[in-house]
Every structure is written in C-alpha cells, then in structure tokens.
C-alpha cells in the first residue's frame, strides 16, 4: 500500500464522522450504561484523533475472562471503538475482494 493511501485510510479512521459512528455502535452494544459516557467521549475523541493521525495509537492488552467454562479475551472500550472504526473504513474498500 502506498504511503498516500495509508495516510488517507488513517485520516478517514481518525475523522469525527467515523469515530462518532463507531462510538454510537459501541454505546448501543453495552448492556447497561456505557463505560465511556457521551461526555467522556466528547473529551476523548480529539486526543484519539491525534493519536491515530500521528501513528502513536497503540492497542491495550486484552483482558481474559472466564465464565461458565468459556474463556474470552476482551478488548478495552477504547480499542473496541477504534476496531469498529477500522471496520467502517475498510469494509467498503475490501467488499469486492473478500468473500461474504
């Protein structure tokens, strides 16, 4: 992938539109009140945009939980939002190249 294409994808991921759509998805997935409230999101988003554009964003270590014999590795709330943003950006790019 060319550097300009990579920069374009990162700029798209770090856009307010994509990150807000990812946050909306995150907030709807929560079983109770979202761990990152709308007020906290308004404060967090600009810093997250900055980290993504600069290439300094790093994913957190996953948390391993075991419930009723089922072991799952969980992403942090912030990482879940970034991963959803990646999905929103890459889905249209890859839809003709990946099987459904």
PDB file of N, CA and C in Angstrom:
ATOM      1  N   UNK A   1       0.855  -1.167   0.000  1.00  0.00           N
ATOM      2  CA  UNK A   1       0.000   0.000   0.000  1.00  0.00           C
ATOM      3  C   UNK A   1       0.900   1.228   0.000  1.00  0.00           C
ATOM      4  N   UNK A   2       0.568   2.184  -0.832  1.00  0.00           N
ATOM      5  CA  UNK A   2       1.371   3.408  -0.895  1.00  0.00           C
ATOM      6  C   UNK A   2       1.192   4.229   0.374  1.00  0.00           C
ATOM      7  N   UNK A   3       2.173   5.056   0.634  1.00  0.00           N
ATOM      8  CA  UNK A   3       2.133   5.912   1.821  1.00  0.00           C
ATOM      9  C   UNK A   3       0.922   6.849   1.780  1.00  0.00           C
ATOM     10  N   UNK A   4       0.599   7.362   0.584  1.00  0.00           N
ATOM     11  CA  UNK A   4      -0.540   8.279   0.478  1.00  0.00           C
ATOM     12  C   UNK A   4      -1.860   7.547   0.734  1.00  0.00           C
ATOM     13  N   UNK A   5      -1.972   6.295   0.273  1.00  0.00           N
ATOM     14  CA  UNK A   5      -3.184   5.515   0.534  1.00  0.00           C
ATOM     15  C   UNK A   5      -3.298   5.203   2.025  1.00  0.00           C
ATOM     16  N   UNK A   6      -2.166   4.887   2.637  1.00  0.00           N
ATOM     17  CA  UNK A   6      -2.155   4.612   4.076  1.00  0.00           C
ATOM     18  C   UNK A   6      -2.570   5.853   4.861  1.00  0.00           C
ATOM     19  N   UNK A   7      -2.027   6.998   4.487  1.00  0.00           N
ATOM     20  CA  UNK A   7      -2.390   8.247   5.164  1.00  0.00           C
ATOM     21  C   UNK A   7      -3.858   8.569   4.985  1.00  0.00           C
ATOM     22  N   UNK A   8      -4.396   8.295   3.801  1.00  0.00           N
ATOM     23  CA  UNK A   8      -5.811   8.540   3.529  1.00  0.00           C
ATOM     24  C   UNK A   8      -6.694   7.665   4.414  1.00  0.00           C
ATOM     25  N   UNK A   9      -6.330   6.391   4.545  1.00  0.00           N
ATOM     26  CA  UNK A   9      -7.104   5.487   5.405  1.00  0.00           C
ATOM     27  C   UNK A   9      -7.049   5.920   6.867  1.00  0.00           C
ATOM     28  N   UNK A  10      -5.867   6.318   7.323  1.00  0.00           N
ATOM     29  CA  UNK A  10      -5.741   6.763   8.714  1.00  0.00           C
ATOM     30  C   UNK A  10      -6.514   8.060   8.946  1.00  0.00           C
ATOM     31  N   UNK A  11      -6.466   8.961   7.980  1.00  0.00           N
ATOM     32  CA  UNK A  11      -7.226  10.212   8.112  1.00  0.00           C
ATOM     33  C   UNK A  11      -8.719   9.912   8.159  1.00  0.00           C
ATOM     34  N   UNK A  12      -9.159   8.962   7.352  1.00  0.00           N
ATOM     35  CA  UNK A  12     -10.578   8.578   7.354  1.00  0.00           C
ATOM     36  C   UNK A  12     -10.953   7.964   8.701  1.00  0.00           C
ATOM     37  N   UNK A  13     -10.103   7.065   9.213  1.00  0.00           N
ATOM     38  CA  UNK A  13     -10.356   6.440  10.510  1.00  0.00           C
ATOM     39  C   UNK A  13     -10.430   7.492  11.610  1.00  0.00           C
ATOM     40  N   UNK A  14      -9.546   8.472  11.564  1.00  0.00           N
ATOM     41  CA  UNK A  14      -9.476   9.493  12.612  1.00  0.00           C
ATOM     42  C   UNK A  14     -10.506  10.598  12.434  1.00  0.00           C
ATOM     43  N   UNK A  15     -11.344  10.497  11.419  1.00  0.00           N
ATOM     44  CA  UNK A  15     -12.344  11.544  11.199  1.00  0.00           C
ATOM     45  C   UNK A  15     -13.427  11.494  12.274  1.00  0.00           C
ATOM     46  N   UNK A  16     -13.968  12.644  12.568  1.00  0.00           N
ATOM     47  CA  UNK A  16     -15.043  12.745  13.546  1.00  0.00           C
ATOM     48  C   UNK A  16     -16.227  11.879  13.136  1.00  0.00           C
ATOM     49  N   UNK A  17     -16.535  11.854  11.859  1.00  0.00           N
ATOM     50  CA  UNK A  17     -17.684  11.080  11.361  1.00  0.00           C
ATOM     51  C   UNK A  17     -17.523   9.597  11.667  1.00  0.00           C
ATOM     52  N   UNK A  18     -16.368   9.042  11.344  1.00  0.00           N
ATOM     53  CA  UNK A  18     -16.144   7.607  11.559  1.00  0.00           C
ATOM     54  C   UNK A  18     -16.067   7.296  13.048  1.00  0.00           C
ATOM     55  N   UNK A  19     -15.314   8.085  13.795  1.00  0.00           N
ATOM     56  CA  UNK A  19     -15.184   7.802  15.227  1.00  0.00           C
ATOM     57  C   UNK A  19     -16.512   7.966  15.955  1.00  0.00           C
ATOM     58  N   UNK A  20     -17.304   8.947  15.575  1.00  0.00           N
ATOM     59  CA  UNK A  20     -18.619   9.100  16.209  1.00  0.00           C
ATOM     60  C   UNK A  20     -19.549   7.943  15.855  1.00  0.00           C
ATOM     61  N   UNK A  21     -19.481   7.455  14.622  1.00  0.00           N
ATOM     62  CA  UNK A  21     -20.294   6.289  14.235  1.00  0.00           C
ATOM     63  C   UNK A  21     -19.845   5.058  15.013  1.00  0.00           C
ATOM     64  N   UNK A  22     -18.541   4.907  15.197  1.00  0.00           N
ATOM     65  CA  UNK A  22     -18.017   3.778  15.967  1.00  0.00           C
ATOM     66  C   UNK A  22     -18.435   3.893  17.431  1.00  0.00           C
ATOM     67  N   UNK A  23     -18.402   5.107  17.973  1.00  0.00           N
ATOM     68  CA  UNK A  23     -18.839   5.297  19.357  1.00  0.00           C
ATOM     69  C   UNK A  23     -20.340   4.988  19.491  1.00  0.00           C
ATOM     70  N   UNK A  24     -21.140   5.415  18.532  1.00  0.00           N
ATOM     71  CA  UNK A  24     -22.584   5.135  18.582  1.00  0.00           C
ATOM     72  C   UNK A  24     -22.827   3.632  18.600  1.00  0.00           C
ATOM     73  N   UNK A  25     -22.086   2.888  17.779  1.00  0.00           N
ATOM     74  CA  UNK A  25     -22.190   1.423  17.780  1.00  0.00           C
ATOM     75  C   UNK A  25     -21.806   0.873  19.155  1.00  0.00           C
ATOM     76  N   UNK A  26     -20.684   1.359  19.680  1.00  0.00           N
ATOM     77  CA  UNK A  26     -20.199   0.914  20.998  1.00  0.00           C
ATOM     78  C   UNK A  26     -21.263   1.155  22.068  1.00  0.00           C
ATOM     79  N   UNK A  27     -21.828   2.355  22.097  1.00  0.00           N
ATOM     80  CA  UNK A  27     -22.812   2.703  23.127  1.00  0.00           C
ATOM     81  C   UNK A  27     -24.043   1.809  23.038  1.00  0.00           C
ATOM     82  N   UNK A  28     -24.427   1.403  21.829  1.00  0.00           N
ATOM     83  CA  UNK A  28     -25.594   0.528  21.656  1.00  0.00           C
ATOM     84  C   UNK A  28     -25.287  -0.910  22.072  1.00  0.00           C
ATOM     85  N   UNK A  29     -24.015  -1.318  22.071  1.00  0.00           N
ATOM     86  CA  UNK A  29     -23.640  -2.688  22.411  1.00  0.00           C
ATOM     87  C   UNK A  29     -23.627  -2.946  23.913  1.00  0.00           C
ATOM     88  N   UNK A  30     -23.492  -1.910  24.689  1.00  0.00           N
ATOM     89  CA  UNK A  30     -23.376  -2.060  26.139  1.00  0.00           C
ATOM     90  C   UNK A  30     -24.687  -2.560  26.741  1.00  0.00           C
ATOM     91  N   UNK A  31     -24.570  -3.424  27.740  1.00  0.00           N
ATOM     92  CA  UNK A  31     -25.751  -3.984  28.403  1.00  0.00           C
ATOM     93  C   UNK A  31     -26.340  -3.034  29.433  1.00  0.00           C
ATOM     94  N   UNK A  32     -25.583  -2.082  29.862  1.00  0.00           N
ATOM     95  CA  UNK A  32     -26.025  -1.064  30.809  1.00  0.00           C
ATOM     96  C   UNK A  32     -25.473   0.261  30.327  1.00  0.00           C
ATOM     97  N   UNK A  33     -25.255   1.171  31.228  1.00  0.00           N
ATOM     98  CA  UNK A  33     -24.641   2.433  30.810  1.00  0.00           C
ATOM     99  C   UNK A  33     -23.252   2.179  30.229  1.00  0.00           C
ATOM    100  N   UNK A  34     -22.930   2.856  29.141  1.00  0.00           N
ATOM    101  CA  UNK A  34     -21.624   2.685  28.504  1.00  0.00           C
ATOM    102  C   UNK A  34     -20.522   3.109  29.460  1.00  0.00           C
ATOM    103  N   UNK A  35     -19.424   2.375  29.454  1.00  0.00           N
ATOM    104  CA  UNK A  35     -18.297   2.702  30.327  1.00  0.00           C
ATOM    105  C   UNK A  35     -17.703   4.054  29.947  1.00  0.00           C
ATOM    106  N   UNK A  36     -17.728   4.372  28.662  1.00  0.00           N
ATOM    107  CA  UNK A  36     -17.302   5.689  28.197  1.00  0.00           C
ATOM    108  C   UNK A  36     -18.581   6.466  27.907  1.00  0.00           C
ATOM    109  N   UNK A  37     -18.899   7.422  28.756  1.00  0.00           N
ATOM    110  CA  UNK A  37     -20.129   8.195  28.591  1.00  0.00           C
ATOM    111  C   UNK A  37     -19.999   9.166  27.421  1.00  0.00           C
ATOM    112  N   UNK A  38     -21.112   9.703  26.982  1.00  0.00           N
ATOM    113  CA  UNK A  38     -21.095  10.663  25.876  1.00  0.00           C
ATOM    114  C   UNK A  38     -20.238  11.881  26.222  1.00  0.00           C
ATOM    115  N   UNK A  39     -20.310  12.327  27.469  1.00  0.00           N
ATOM    116  CA  UNK A  39     -19.489  13.458  27.896  1.00  0.00           C
ATOM    117  C   UNK A  39     -18.008  13.130  27.872  1.00  0.00           C
ATOM    118  N   UNK A  40     -17.662  11.930  28.323  1.00  0.00           N
ATOM    119  CA  UNK A  40     -16.263  11.496  28.281  1.00  0.00           C
ATOM    120  C   UNK A  40     -15.792  11.335  26.834  1.00  0.00           C
ATOM    121  N   UNK A  41     -16.684  10.842  25.974  1.00  0.00           N
ATOM    122  CA  UNK A  41     -16.344  10.658  24.567  1.00  0.00           C
ATOM    123  C   UNK A  41     -16.019  11.999  23.908  1.00  0.00           C
ATOM    124  N   UNK A  42     -16.784  13.018  24.222  1.00  0.00           N
ATOM    125  CA  UNK A  42     -16.531  14.342  23.646  1.00  0.00           C
ATOM    126  C   UNK A  42     -15.134  14.844  24.009  1.00  0.00           C
ATOM    127  N   UNK A  43     -14.664  14.494  25.192  1.00  0.00           N
ATOM    128  CA  UNK A  43     -13.324  14.899  25.619  1.00  0.00           C
ATOM    129  C   UNK A  43     -12.242  13.968  25.068  1.00  0.00           C
ATOM    130  N   UNK A  44     -12.559  12.679  24.938  1.00  0.00           N
ATOM    131  CA  UNK A  44     -11.589  11.680  24.489  1.00  0.00           C
ATOM    132  C   UNK A  44     -11.334  11.730  22.987  1.00  0.00           C
ATOM    133  N   UNK A  45     -12.376  11.970  22.209  1.00  0.00           N
ATOM    134  CA  UNK A  45     -12.271  11.879  20.752  1.00  0.00           C
ATOM    135  C   UNK A  45     -11.145  12.726  20.153  1.00  0.00           C
ATOM    136  N   UNK A  46     -10.972  13.998  20.530  1.00  0.00           N
ATOM    137  CA  UNK A  46      -9.885  14.783  19.917  1.00  0.00           C
ATOM    138  C   UNK A  46      -8.500  14.178  20.170  1.00  0.00           C
ATOM    139  N   UNK A  47      -8.286  13.651  21.363  1.00  0.00           N
ATOM    140  CA  UNK A  47      -6.993  13.017  21.666  1.00  0.00           C
ATOM    141  C   UNK A  47      -6.825  11.736  20.866  1.00  0.00           C
ATOM    142  N   UNK A  48      -7.883  10.969  20.727  1.00  0.00           N
ATOM    143  CA  UNK A  48      -7.848   9.736  19.945  1.00  0.00           C
ATOM    144  C   UNK A  48      -7.560  10.049  18.481  1.00  0.00           C
ATOM    145  N   UNK A  49      -8.207  11.079  17.937  1.00  0.00           N
ATOM    146  CA  UNK A  49      -7.945  11.503  16.561  1.00  0.00           C
ATOM    147  C   UNK A  49      -6.466  11.832  16.373  1.00  0.00           C
ATOM    148  N   UNK A  50      -5.911  12.571  17.328  1.00  0.00           N
ATOM    149  CA  UNK A  50      -4.497  12.971  17.274  1.00  0.00           C
ATOM    150  C   UNK A  50      -3.572  11.749  17.283  1.00  0.00           C
ATOM    151  N   UNK A  51      -3.845  10.802  18.173  1.00  0.00           N
ATOM    152  CA  UNK A  51      -3.026   9.596  18.261  1.00  0.00           C
ATOM    153  C   UNK A  51      -3.097   8.768  16.990  1.00  0.00           C
ATOM    154  N   UNK A  52      -4.272   8.656  16.405  1.00  0.00           N
ATOM    155  CA  UNK A  52      -4.436   7.872  15.180  1.00  0.00           C
ATOM    156  C   UNK A  52      -3.708   8.518  14.007  1.00  0.00           C
ATOM    157  N   UNK A  53      -3.882   9.809  13.830  1.00  0.00           N
ATOM    158  CA  UNK A  53      -3.253  10.511  12.711  1.00  0.00           C
ATOM    159  C   UNK A  53      -1.729  10.479  12.830  1.00  0.00           C
ATOM    160  N   UNK A  54      -1.224  10.611  14.045  1.00  0.00           N
ATOM    161  CA  UNK A  54       0.225  10.641  14.251  1.00  0.00           C
ATOM    162  C   UNK A  54       0.856   9.246  14.220  1.00  0.00           C
ATOM    163  N   UNK A  55       0.018   8.202  14.238  1.00  0.00           N
ATOM    164  CA  UNK A  55       0.539   6.838  14.254  1.00  0.00           C
ATOM    165  C   UNK A  55       0.992   6.385  15.631  1.00  0.00           C
ATOM    166  N   UNK A  56       0.609   7.107  16.656  1.00  0.00           N
ATOM    167  CA  UNK A  56       1.032   6.791  18.019  1.00  0.00           C
ATOM    168  C   UNK A  56       0.018   5.955  18.796  1.00  0.00           C
ATOM    169  N   UNK A  57      -1.140   5.661  18.197  1.00  0.00           N
ATOM    170  CA  UNK A  57      -2.143   4.875  18.920  1.00  0.00           C
ATOM    171  C   UNK A  57      -1.632   3.449  19.077  1.00  0.00           C
ATOM    172  N   UNK A  58      -1.793   2.905  20.252  1.00  0.00           N
ATOM    173  CA  UNK A  58      -1.438   1.518  20.500  1.00  0.00           C
ATOM    174  C   UNK A  58      -2.579   0.813  21.209  1.00  0.00           C
ATOM    175  N   UNK A  59      -2.849  -0.408  20.810  1.00  0.00           N
ATOM    176  CA  UNK A  59      -3.907  -1.178  21.453  1.00  0.00           C
ATOM    177  C   UNK A  59      -3.471  -1.624  22.842  1.00  0.00           C
ATOM    178  N   UNK A  60      -4.428  -1.684  23.742  1.00  0.00           N
ATOM    179  CA  UNK A  60      -4.174  -2.132  25.108  1.00  0.00           C
ATOM    180  C   UNK A  60      -4.087  -3.654  25.146  1.00  0.00           C
ATOM    181  N   UNK A  61      -3.538  -4.158  26.220  1.00  0.00           N
ATOM    182  CA  UNK A  61      -3.520  -5.597  26.441  1.00  0.00           C
ATOM    183  C   UNK A  61      -4.957  -6.050  26.681  1.00  0.00           C
ATOM    184  N   UNK A  62      -5.333  -7.164  26.081  1.00  0.00           N
ATOM    185  CA  UNK A  62      -6.681  -7.677  26.282  1.00  0.00           C
ATOM    186  C   UNK A  62      -6.820  -8.273  27.686  1.00  0.00           C
ATOM    187  N   UNK A  63      -8.049  -8.273  28.173  1.00  0.00           N
ATOM    188  CA  UNK A  63      -8.363  -8.865  29.468  1.00  0.00           C
ATOM    189  C   UNK A  63      -8.979 -10.231  29.223  1.00  0.00           C
ATOM    190  N   UNK A  64      -8.462 -11.245  29.867  1.00  0.00           N
ATOM    191  CA  UNK A  64      -9.006 -12.597  29.719  1.00  0.00           C
ATOM    192  C   UNK A  64      -9.990 -12.858  30.849  1.00  0.00           C
ATOM    193  N   UNK A  65     -11.205 -13.264  30.483  1.00  0.00           N
ATOM    194  CA  UNK A  65     -12.226 -13.585  31.475  1.00  0.00           C
ATOM    195  C   UNK A  65     -12.725 -15.000  31.228  1.00  0.00           C
ATOM    196  N   UNK A  66     -13.124 -15.639  32.295  1.00  0.00           N
ATOM    197  CA  UNK A  66     -13.670 -16.985  32.211  1.00  0.00           C
ATOM    198  C   UNK A  66     -15.021 -16.988  32.901  1.00  0.00           C
ATOM    199  N   UNK A  67     -16.020 -17.456  32.172  1.00  0.00           N
ATOM    200  CA  UNK A  67     -17.366 -17.501  32.735  1.00  0.00           C
ATOM    201  C   UNK A  67     -18.025 -18.796  32.288  1.00  0.00           C
ATOM    202  N   UNK A  68     -18.428 -19.595  33.232  1.00  0.00           N
ATOM    203  CA  UNK A  68     -19.086 -20.867  32.966  1.00  0.00           C
ATOM    204  C   UNK A  68     -18.267 -21.732  32.012  1.00  0.00           C
ATOM    205  N   UNK A  69     -16.962 -21.776  32.226  1.00  0.00           N
ATOM    206  CA  UNK A  69     -16.087 -22.618  31.421  1.00  0.00           C
ATOM    207  C   UNK A  69     -15.691 -22.035  30.075  1.00  0.00           C
ATOM    208  N   UNK A  70     -16.242 -20.894  29.724  1.00  0.00           N
ATOM    209  CA  UNK A  70     -15.922 -20.241  28.458  1.00  0.00           C
ATOM    210  C   UNK A  70     -14.895 -19.141  28.711  1.00  0.00           C
ATOM    211  N   UNK A  71     -13.773 -19.209  28.012  1.00  0.00           N
ATOM    212  CA  UNK A  71     -12.721 -18.215  28.170  1.00  0.00           C
ATOM    213  C   UNK A  71     -12.800 -17.249  26.994  1.00  0.00           C
ATOM    214  N   UNK A  72     -12.790 -15.948  27.321  1.00  0.00           N
ATOM    215  CA  UNK A  72     -12.843 -14.910  26.278  1.00  0.00           C
ATOM    216  C   UNK A  72     -11.790 -13.861  26.556  1.00  0.00           C
ATOM    217  N   UNK A  73     -11.232 -13.325  25.492  1.00  0.00           N
ATOM    218  CA  UNK A  73     -10.311 -12.202  25.606  1.00  0.00           C
ATOM    219  C   UNK A  73     -11.063 -10.955  25.173  1.00  0.00           C
ATOM    220  N   UNK A  74     -11.053  -9.929  26.020  1.00  0.00           N
ATOM    221  CA  UNK A  74     -11.835  -8.728  25.775  1.00  0.00           C
ATOM    222  C   UNK A  74     -10.935  -7.540  25.466  1.00  0.00           C
ATOM    223  N   UNK A  75     -11.349  -6.752  24.483  1.00  0.00           N
ATOM    224  CA  UNK A  75     -10.668  -5.508  24.156  1.00  0.00           C
ATOM    225  C   UNK A  75     -11.116  -4.434  25.137  1.00  0.00           C
ATOM    226  N   UNK A  76     -10.284  -3.431  25.334  1.00  0.00           N
ATOM    227  CA  UNK A  76     -10.702  -2.289  26.151  1.00  0.00           C
ATOM    228  C   UNK A  76     -11.816  -1.554  25.404  1.00  0.00           C
ATOM    229  N   UNK A  77     -12.556  -0.736  26.108  1.00  0.00           N
ATOM    230  CA  UNK A  77     -13.642   0.016  25.477  1.00  0.00           C
ATOM    231  C   UNK A  77     -13.111   0.912  24.358  1.00  0.00           C
ATOM    232  N   UNK A  78     -12.014   1.601  24.617  1.00  0.00           N
ATOM    233  CA  UNK A  78     -11.442   2.480  23.595  1.00  0.00           C
ATOM    234  C   UNK A  78     -10.993   1.678  22.378  1.00  0.00           C
ATOM    235  N   UNK A  79     -10.355   0.525  22.590  1.00  0.00           N
ATOM    236  CA  UNK A  79      -9.926  -0.312  21.473  1.00  0.00           C
ATOM    237  C   UNK A  79     -11.122  -0.825  20.672  1.00  0.00           C
ATOM    238  N   UNK A  80     -12.219  -1.136  21.348  1.00  0.00           N
ATOM    239  CA  UNK A  80     -13.425  -1.586  20.639  1.00  0.00           C
ATOM    240  C   UNK A  80     -13.928  -0.503  19.695  1.00  0.00           C
ATOM    241  N   UNK A  81     -13.864   0.739  20.131  1.00  0.00           N
ATOM    242  CA  UNK A  81     -14.295   1.852  19.280  1.00  0.00           C
ATOM    243  C   UNK A  81     -13.370   1.985  18.080  1.00  0.00           C
ATOM    244  N   UNK A  82     -12.064   1.901  18.296  1.00  0.00           N
ATOM    245  CA  UNK A  82     -11.104   2.008  17.191  1.00  0.00           C
ATOM    246  C   UNK A  82     -11.278   0.841  16.217  1.00  0.00           C
ATOM    247  N   UNK A  83     -11.453  -0.365  16.733  1.00  0.00           N
ATOM    248  CA  UNK A  83     -11.646  -1.521  15.854  1.00  0.00           C
ATOM    249  C   UNK A  83     -12.930  -1.393  15.028  1.00  0.00           C
ATOM    250  N   UNK A  84     -13.982  -0.873  15.619  1.00  0.00           N
ATOM    251  CA  UNK A  84     -15.217  -0.650  14.859  1.00  0.00           C
ATOM    252  C   UNK A  84     -14.971   0.407  13.784  1.00  0.00           C
ATOM    253  N   UNK A  85     -14.224   1.455  14.140  1.00  0.00           N
ATOM    254  CA  UNK A  85     -13.867   2.464  13.141  1.00  0.00           C
ATOM    255  C   UNK A  85     -13.095   1.860  11.984  1.00  0.00           C
ATOM    256  N   UNK A  86     -12.148   0.981  12.285  1.00  0.00           N
ATOM    257  CA  UNK A  86     -11.403   0.291  11.223  1.00  0.00           C
ATOM    258  C   UNK A  86     -12.340  -0.508  10.329  1.00  0.00           C
ATOM    259  N   UNK A  87     -13.295  -1.168  10.938  1.00  0.00           N
ATOM    260  CA  UNK A  87     -14.279  -1.935  10.172  1.00  0.00           C
ATOM    261  C   UNK A  87     -15.068  -1.021   9.242  1.00  0.00           C
ATOM    262  N   UNK A  88     -15.511   0.109   9.757  1.00  0.00           N
ATOM    263  CA  UNK A  88     -16.289   1.048   8.943  1.00  0.00           C
ATOM    264  C   UNK A  88     -15.478   1.592   7.768  1.00  0.00           C
ATOM    265  N   UNK A  89     -14.181   1.786   7.973  1.00  0.00           N
ATOM    266  CA  UNK A  89     -13.321   2.321   6.912  1.00  0.00           C
ATOM    267  C   UNK A  89     -12.954   1.241   5.896  1.00  0.00           C
ATOM    268  N   UNK A  90     -12.624   0.043   6.371  1.00  0.00           N
ATOM    269  CA  UNK A  90     -12.110  -0.999   5.483  1.00  0.00           C
ATOM    270  C   UNK A  90     -13.196  -1.796   4.758  1.00  0.00           C
ATOM    271  N   UNK A  91     -14.370  -1.892   5.346  1.00  0.00           N
ATOM    272  CA  UNK A  91     -15.439  -2.677   4.731  1.00  0.00           C
ATOM    273  C   UNK A  91     -15.706  -2.276   3.275  1.00  0.00           C
ATOM    274  N   UNK A  92     -15.923  -0.998   2.986  1.00  0.00           N
ATOM    275  CA  UNK A  92     -16.189  -0.644   1.599  1.00  0.00           C
ATOM    276  C   UNK A  92     -14.977  -0.846   0.679  1.00  0.00           C
ATOM    277  N   UNK A  93     -13.787  -0.722   1.226  1.00  0.00           N
ATOM    278  CA  UNK A  93     -12.577  -0.903   0.428  1.00  0.00           C
ATOM    279  C   UNK A  93     -12.397  -2.369   0.049  1.00  0.00           C
ATOM    280  N   UNK A  94     -12.708  -3.253   0.990  1.00  0.00           N
ATOM    281  CA  UNK A  94     -12.455  -4.689   0.796  1.00  0.00           C
ATOM    282  C   UNK A  94     -13.643  -5.483   0.285  1.00  0.00           C
ATOM    283  N   UNK A  95     -14.808  -4.899   0.195  1.00  0.00           N
ATOM    284  CA  UNK A  95     -16.016  -5.673  -0.117  1.00  0.00           C
ATOM    285  C   UNK A  95     -15.927  -6.431  -1.435  1.00  0.00           C
ATOM    286  N   UNK A  96     -15.199  -5.930  -2.406  1.00  0.00           N
ATOM    287  CA  UNK A  96     -15.068  -6.635  -3.690  1.00  0.00           C
ATOM    288  C   UNK A  96     -13.950  -7.663  -3.670  1.00  0.00           C
ATOM    289  N   UNK A  97     -13.171  -7.709  -2.577  1.00  0.00           N
ATOM    290  CA  UNK A  97     -12.008  -8.597  -2.533  1.00  0.00           C
ATOM    291  C   UNK A  97     -12.116  -9.692  -1.495  1.00  0.00           C
ATOM    292  N   UNK A  98     -13.179  -9.661  -0.684  1.00  0.00           N
ATOM    293  CA  UNK A  98     -13.344 -10.629   0.390  1.00  0.00           C
ATOM    294  C   UNK A  98     -14.696 -11.318   0.223  1.00  0.00           C
ATOM    295  N   UNK A  99     -14.709 -12.610   0.448  1.00  0.00           N
ATOM    296  CA  UNK A  99     -15.957 -13.357   0.347  1.00  0.00           C
ATOM    297  C   UNK A  99     -16.898 -12.961   1.482  1.00  0.00           C
ATOM    298  N   UNK A 100     -18.207 -12.998   1.225  1.00  0.00           N
ATOM    299  CA  UNK A 100     -19.177 -12.664   2.281  1.00  0.00           C
ATOM    300  C   UNK A 100     -19.209 -13.716   3.366  1.00  0.00           C
TER     301      UNK A 100
END
